[in-house]
């Protein structure tokens, strides 16, 4: 009985460690990709902000 409890605890700890390592790898890959394409993200955000401000200006002035 105690061996089953010990195995259960060990397997859940191992599963938790594997999940944490997987999350760390995914975050690392995402950060690396973001650092490579940050300028594209900034351009998209700037264009989106510009369009949003233009639409807001047009609606506010009833043009």
PDB file of N, CA and C in Angstrom:
ATOM      1  N   UNK A   1       0.823  -1.196   0.000  1.00  0.00           N
ATOM      2  CA  UNK A   1       0.000   0.000   0.000  1.00  0.00           C
ATOM      3  C   UNK A   1       0.865   1.257   0.000  1.00  0.00           C
ATOM      4  N   UNK A   2       1.928   1.259   0.822  1.00  0.00           N
ATOM      5  CA  UNK A   2       2.775   2.443   0.886  1.00  0.00           C
ATOM      6  C   UNK A   2       3.551   2.641  -0.412  1.00  0.00           C
ATOM      7  N   UNK A   3       3.869   1.538  -1.113  1.00  0.00           N
ATOM      8  CA  UNK A   3       4.569   1.672  -2.392  1.00  0.00           C
ATOM      9  C   UNK A   3       3.686   2.363  -3.421  1.00  0.00           C
ATOM     10  N   UNK A   4       2.398   2.054  -3.427  1.00  0.00           N
ATOM     11  CA  UNK A   4       1.486   2.700  -4.377  1.00  0.00           C
ATOM     12  C   UNK A   4       1.382   4.191  -4.090  1.00  0.00           C
ATOM     13  N   UNK A   5       1.318   4.541  -2.801  1.00  0.00           N
ATOM     14  CA  UNK A   5       1.257   5.957  -2.443  1.00  0.00           C
ATOM     15  C   UNK A   5       2.531   6.674  -2.881  1.00  0.00           C
ATOM     16  N   UNK A   6       3.668   6.040  -2.645  1.00  0.00           N
ATOM     17  CA  UNK A   6       4.949   6.624  -3.008  1.00  0.00           C
ATOM     18  C   UNK A   6       5.050   6.782  -4.523  1.00  0.00           C
ATOM     19  N   UNK A   7       4.641   5.761  -5.272  1.00  0.00           N
ATOM     20  CA  UNK A   7       4.659   5.846  -6.733  1.00  0.00           C
ATOM     21  C   UNK A   7       3.733   6.949  -7.221  1.00  0.00           C
ATOM     22  N   UNK A   8       2.578   7.065  -6.599  1.00  0.00           N
ATOM     23  CA  UNK A   8       1.620   8.086  -7.005  1.00  0.00           C
ATOM     24  C   UNK A   8       2.208   9.481  -6.777  1.00  0.00           C
ATOM     25  N   UNK A   9       2.824   9.671  -5.614  1.00  0.00           N
ATOM     26  CA  UNK A   9       3.426  10.962  -5.304  1.00  0.00           C
ATOM     27  C   UNK A   9       4.563  11.271  -6.266  1.00  0.00           C
ATOM     28  N   UNK A  10       5.382  10.260  -6.539  1.00  0.00           N
ATOM     29  CA  UNK A  10       6.523  10.446  -7.429  1.00  0.00           C
ATOM     30  C   UNK A  10       6.066  10.735  -8.854  1.00  0.00           C
ATOM     31  N   UNK A  11       5.053  10.017  -9.314  1.00  0.00           N
ATOM     32  CA  UNK A  11       4.594  10.239 -10.687  1.00  0.00           C
ATOM     33  C   UNK A  11       3.933  11.605 -10.829  1.00  0.00           C
ATOM     34  N   UNK A  12       3.205  12.051  -9.797  1.00  0.00           N
ATOM     35  CA  UNK A  12       2.593  13.374  -9.895  1.00  0.00           C
ATOM     36  C   UNK A  12       3.660  14.466  -9.838  1.00  0.00           C
ATOM     37  N   UNK A  13       4.701  14.266  -9.047  1.00  0.00           N
ATOM     38  CA  UNK A  13       5.795  15.236  -8.997  1.00  0.00           C
ATOM     39  C   UNK A  13       6.526  15.276 -10.333  1.00  0.00           C
ATOM     40  N   UNK A  14       6.739  14.105 -10.928  1.00  0.00           N
ATOM     41  CA  UNK A  14       7.404  14.045 -12.227  1.00  0.00           C
ATOM     42  C   UNK A  14       6.552  14.705 -13.302  1.00  0.00           C
ATOM     43  N   UNK A  15       5.246  14.453 -13.264  1.00  0.00           N
ATOM     44  CA  UNK A  15       4.343  15.066 -14.229  1.00  0.00           C
ATOM     45  C   UNK A  15       4.358  16.591 -14.083  1.00  0.00           C
ATOM     46  N   UNK A  16       4.360  17.073 -12.840  1.00  0.00           N
ATOM     47  CA  UNK A  16       4.426  18.512 -12.596  1.00  0.00           C
ATOM     48  C   UNK A  16       5.719  19.117 -13.118  1.00  0.00           C
ATOM     49  N   UNK A  17       6.830  18.411 -12.924  1.00  0.00           N
ATOM     50  CA  UNK A  17       8.119  18.910 -13.413  1.00  0.00           C
ATOM     51  C   UNK A  17       8.141  18.964 -14.935  1.00  0.00           C
ATOM     52  N   UNK A  18       7.570  17.947 -15.584  1.00  0.00           N
ATOM     53  CA  UNK A  18       7.529  17.936 -17.049  1.00  0.00           C
ATOM     54  C   UNK A  18       6.665  19.077 -17.567  1.00  0.00           C
ATOM     55  N   UNK A  19       5.525  19.322 -16.912  1.00  0.00           N
ATOM     56  CA  UNK A  19       4.643  20.417 -17.326  1.00  0.00           C
ATOM     57  C   UNK A  19       5.352  21.760 -17.165  1.00  0.00           C
ATOM     58  N   UNK A  20       6.035  21.962 -16.044  1.00  0.00           N
ATOM     59  CA  UNK A  20       6.756  23.221 -15.825  1.00  0.00           C
ATOM     60  C   UNK A  20       7.869  23.415 -16.849  1.00  0.00           C
ATOM     61  N   UNK A  21       8.586  22.353 -17.178  1.00  0.00           N
ATOM     62  CA  UNK A  21       9.633  22.451 -18.201  1.00  0.00           C
ATOM     63  C   UNK A  21       9.025  22.782 -19.560  1.00  0.00           C
ATOM     64  N   UNK A  22       7.894  22.181 -19.871  1.00  0.00           N
ATOM     65  CA  UNK A  22       7.218  22.476 -21.133  1.00  0.00           C
ATOM     66  C   UNK A  22       6.781  23.921 -21.217  1.00  0.00           C
ATOM     67  N   UNK A  23       6.228  24.439 -20.121  1.00  0.00           N
ATOM     68  CA  UNK A  23       5.808  25.842 -20.092  1.00  0.00           C
ATOM     69  C   UNK A  23       7.017  26.754 -20.250  1.00  0.00           C
ATOM     70  N   UNK A  24       8.119  26.426 -19.590  1.00  0.00           N
ATOM     71  CA  UNK A  24       9.333  27.243 -19.696  1.00  0.00           C
ATOM     72  C   UNK A  24       9.854  27.262 -21.126  1.00  0.00           C
ATOM     73  N   UNK A  25       9.820  26.125 -21.799  1.00  0.00           N
ATOM     74  CA  UNK A  25      10.277  26.065 -23.192  1.00  0.00           C
ATOM     75  C   UNK A  25       9.367  26.899 -24.084  1.00  0.00           C
ATOM     76  N   UNK A  26       8.052  26.791 -23.897  1.00  0.00           N
ATOM     77  CA  UNK A  26       7.116  27.569 -24.716  1.00  0.00           C
ATOM     78  C   UNK A  26       7.292  29.069 -24.498  1.00  0.00           C
ATOM     79  N   UNK A  27       7.479  29.486 -23.256  1.00  0.00           N
ATOM     80  CA  UNK A  27       7.692  30.910 -22.969  1.00  0.00           C
ATOM     81  C   UNK A  27       8.994  31.387 -23.601  1.00  0.00           C
ATOM     82  N   UNK A  28      10.026  30.562 -23.549  1.00  0.00           N
ATOM     83  CA  UNK A  28      11.306  30.920 -24.155  1.00  0.00           C
ATOM     84  C   UNK A  28      11.173  31.085 -25.667  1.00  0.00           C
ATOM     85  N   UNK A  29      10.469  30.158 -26.309  1.00  0.00           N
ATOM     86  CA  UNK A  29      10.267  30.250 -27.762  1.00  0.00           C
ATOM     87  C   UNK A  29       9.451  31.486 -28.105  1.00  0.00           C
ATOM     88  N   UNK A  30       8.389  31.746 -27.345  1.00  0.00           N
ATOM     89  CA  UNK A  30       7.551  32.916 -27.608  1.00  0.00           C
ATOM     90  C   UNK A  30       8.347  34.207 -27.437  1.00  0.00           C
ATOM     91  N   UNK A  31       9.168  34.281 -26.402  1.00  0.00           N
ATOM     92  CA  UNK A  31       9.977  35.482 -26.177  1.00  0.00           C
ATOM     93  C   UNK A  31      10.984  35.675 -27.304  1.00  0.00           C
ATOM     94  N   UNK A  32      11.593  34.590 -27.754  1.00  0.00           N
ATOM     95  CA  UNK A  32      12.565  34.687 -28.846  1.00  0.00           C
ATOM     96  C   UNK A  32      11.891  35.164 -30.133  1.00  0.00           C
ATOM     97  N   UNK A  33      10.721  34.614 -30.432  1.00  0.00           N
ATOM     98  CA  UNK A  33       9.997  35.039 -31.635  1.00  0.00           C
ATOM     99  C   UNK A  33       9.572  36.495 -31.536  1.00  0.00           C
ATOM    100  N   UNK A  34       9.111  36.901 -30.350  1.00  0.00           N
ATOM    101  CA  UNK A  34       8.686  38.287 -30.168  1.00  0.00           C
ATOM    102  C   UNK A  34       9.861  39.241 -30.341  1.00  0.00           C
ATOM    103  N   UNK A  35      11.037  38.858 -29.860  1.00  0.00           N
ATOM    104  CA  UNK A  35      12.207  39.714 -30.023  1.00  0.00           C
ATOM    105  C   UNK A  35      12.622  39.830 -31.490  1.00  0.00           C
ATOM    106  N   UNK A  36      12.357  38.789 -32.276  1.00  0.00           N
ATOM    107  CA  UNK A  36      12.720  38.837 -33.689  1.00  0.00           C
ATOM    108  C   UNK A  36      11.741  39.671 -34.510  1.00  0.00           C
ATOM    109  N   UNK A  37      10.488  39.705 -34.112  1.00  0.00           N
ATOM    110  CA  UNK A  37       9.475  40.389 -34.929  1.00  0.00           C
ATOM    111  C   UNK A  37       8.840  41.563 -34.186  1.00  0.00           C
ATOM    112  N   UNK A  38       9.544  42.132 -33.202  1.00  0.00           N
ATOM    113  CA  UNK A  38       8.954  43.211 -32.419  1.00  0.00           C
ATOM    114  C   UNK A  38       8.629  44.416 -33.280  1.00  0.00           C
ATOM    115  N   UNK A  39       9.425  44.667 -34.308  1.00  0.00           N
ATOM    116  CA  UNK A  39       9.184  45.839 -35.153  1.00  0.00           C
ATOM    117  C   UNK A  39       7.915  45.660 -35.969  1.00  0.00           C
ATOM    118  N   UNK A  40       7.597  44.435 -36.373  1.00  0.00           N
ATOM    119  CA  UNK A  40       6.340  44.188 -37.091  1.00  0.00           C
ATOM    120  C   UNK A  40       5.161  44.438 -36.157  1.00  0.00           C
ATOM    121  N   UNK A  41       5.282  43.990 -34.914  1.00  0.00           N
ATOM    122  CA  UNK A  41       4.215  44.209 -33.935  1.00  0.00           C
ATOM    123  C   UNK A  41       4.009  45.703 -33.713  1.00  0.00           C
ATOM    124  N   UNK A  42       5.082  46.463 -33.621  1.00  0.00           N
ATOM    125  CA  UNK A  42       4.967  47.907 -33.411  1.00  0.00           C
ATOM    126  C   UNK A  42       4.302  48.594 -34.604  1.00  0.00           C
ATOM    127  N   UNK A  43       4.646  48.187 -35.818  1.00  0.00           N
ATOM    128  CA  UNK A  43       4.027  48.771 -37.012  1.00  0.00           C
ATOM    129  C   UNK A  43       2.533  48.472 -37.034  1.00  0.00           C
ATOM    130  N   UNK A  44       2.165  47.228 -36.741  1.00  0.00           N
ATOM    131  CA  UNK A  44       0.744  46.857 -36.728  1.00  0.00           C
ATOM    132  C   UNK A  44      -0.003  47.650 -35.662  1.00  0.00           C
ATOM    133  N   UNK A  45       0.588  47.805 -34.485  1.00  0.00           N
ATOM    134  CA  UNK A  45      -0.056  48.586 -33.431  1.00  0.00           C
ATOM    135  C   UNK A  45      -0.191  50.055 -33.820  1.00  0.00           C
ATOM    136  N   UNK A  46       0.826  50.619 -34.448  1.00  0.00           N
ATOM    137  CA  UNK A  46       0.773  52.020 -34.863  1.00  0.00           C
ATOM    138  C   UNK A  46      -0.297  52.235 -35.926  1.00  0.00           C
ATOM    139  N   UNK A  47      -0.378  51.343 -36.905  1.00  0.00           N
ATOM    140  CA  UNK A  47      -1.400  51.461 -37.949  1.00  0.00           C
ATOM    141  C   UNK A  47      -2.788  51.312 -37.337  1.00  0.00           C
ATOM    142  N   UNK A  48      -2.951  50.354 -36.445  1.00  0.00           N
ATOM    143  CA  UNK A  48      -4.244  50.162 -35.785  1.00  0.00           C
ATOM    144  C   UNK A  48      -4.650  51.373 -34.973  1.00  0.00           C
ATOM    145  N   UNK A  49      -3.717  51.947 -34.236  1.00  0.00           N
ATOM    146  CA  UNK A  49      -4.008  53.149 -33.457  1.00  0.00           C
ATOM    147  C   UNK A  49      -4.361  54.313 -34.365  1.00  0.00           C
ATOM    148  N   UNK A  50      -3.627  54.464 -35.462  1.00  0.00           N
ATOM    149  CA  UNK A  50      -3.928  55.536 -36.410  1.00  0.00           C
ATOM    150  C   UNK A  50      -5.313  55.392 -37.016  1.00  0.00           C
ATOM    151  N   UNK A  51      -5.673  54.187 -37.414  1.00  0.00           N
ATOM    152  CA  UNK A  51      -7.011  53.964 -37.978  1.00  0.00           C
ATOM    153  C   UNK A  51      -8.099  54.210 -36.940  1.00  0.00           C
ATOM    154  N   UNK A  52      -7.863  53.775 -35.715  1.00  0.00           N
ATOM    155  CA  UNK A  52      -8.846  53.982 -34.659  1.00  0.00           C
ATOM    156  C   UNK A  52      -9.050  55.478 -34.401  1.00  0.00           C
ATOM    157  N   UNK A  53      -7.948  56.238 -34.348  1.00  0.00           N
ATOM    158  CA  UNK A  53      -8.061  57.680 -34.143  1.00  0.00           C
ATOM    159  C   UNK A  53      -8.758  58.360 -35.314  1.00  0.00           C
ATOM    160  N   UNK A  54      -8.484  57.913 -36.543  1.00  0.00           N
ATOM    161  CA  UNK A  54      -9.137  58.479 -37.718  1.00  0.00           C
ATOM    162  C   UNK A  54     -10.641  58.231 -37.683  1.00  0.00           C
ATOM    163  N   UNK A  55     -11.040  57.008 -37.384  1.00  0.00           N
ATOM    164  CA  UNK A  55     -12.473  56.690 -37.304  1.00  0.00           C
ATOM    165  C   UNK A  55     -13.133  57.490 -36.197  1.00  0.00           C
ATOM    166  N   UNK A  56     -12.463  57.618 -35.069  1.00  0.00           N
ATOM    167  CA  UNK A  56     -13.022  58.393 -33.956  1.00  0.00           C
ATOM    168  C   UNK A  56     -13.175  59.865 -34.338  1.00  0.00           C
ATOM    169  N   UNK A  57     -12.187  60.422 -35.034  1.00  0.00           N
ATOM    170  CA  UNK A  57     -12.249  61.816 -35.469  1.00  0.00           C
ATOM    171  C   UNK A  57     -13.392  62.024 -36.451  1.00  0.00           C
ATOM    172  N   UNK A  58     -13.538  61.098 -37.404  1.00  0.00           N
ATOM    173  CA  UNK A  58     -14.596  61.218 -38.412  1.00  0.00           C
ATOM    174  C   UNK A  58     -15.965  61.125 -37.745  1.00  0.00           C
ATOM    175  N   UNK A  59     -16.142  60.193 -36.832  1.00  0.00           N
ATOM    176  CA  UNK A  59     -17.443  60.051 -36.161  1.00  0.00           C
ATOM    177  C   UNK A  59     -17.748  61.247 -35.279  1.00  0.00           C
ATOM    178  N   UNK A  60     -16.745  61.775 -34.618  1.00  0.00           N
ATOM    179  CA  UNK A  60     -16.971  62.906 -33.718  1.00  0.00           C
ATOM    180  C   UNK A  60     -17.342  64.166 -34.497  1.00  0.00           C
ATOM    181  N   UNK A  61     -16.771  64.349 -35.678  1.00  0.00           N
ATOM    182  CA  UNK A  61     -17.028  65.551 -36.472  1.00  0.00           C
ATOM    183  C   UNK A  61     -18.105  65.347 -37.528  1.00  0.00           C
ATOM    184  N   UNK A  62     -18.744  64.177 -37.557  1.00  0.00           N
ATOM    185  CA  UNK A  62     -19.817  63.871 -38.515  1.00  0.00           C
ATOM    186  C   UNK A  62     -19.399  64.148 -39.948  1.00  0.00           C
ATOM    187  N   UNK A  63     -18.249  63.669 -40.341  1.00  0.00           N
ATOM    188  CA  UNK A  63     -17.778  63.874 -41.715  1.00  0.00           C
ATOM    189  C   UNK A  63     -18.267  62.778 -42.624  1.00  0.00           C
TER     190      UNK A  63
END
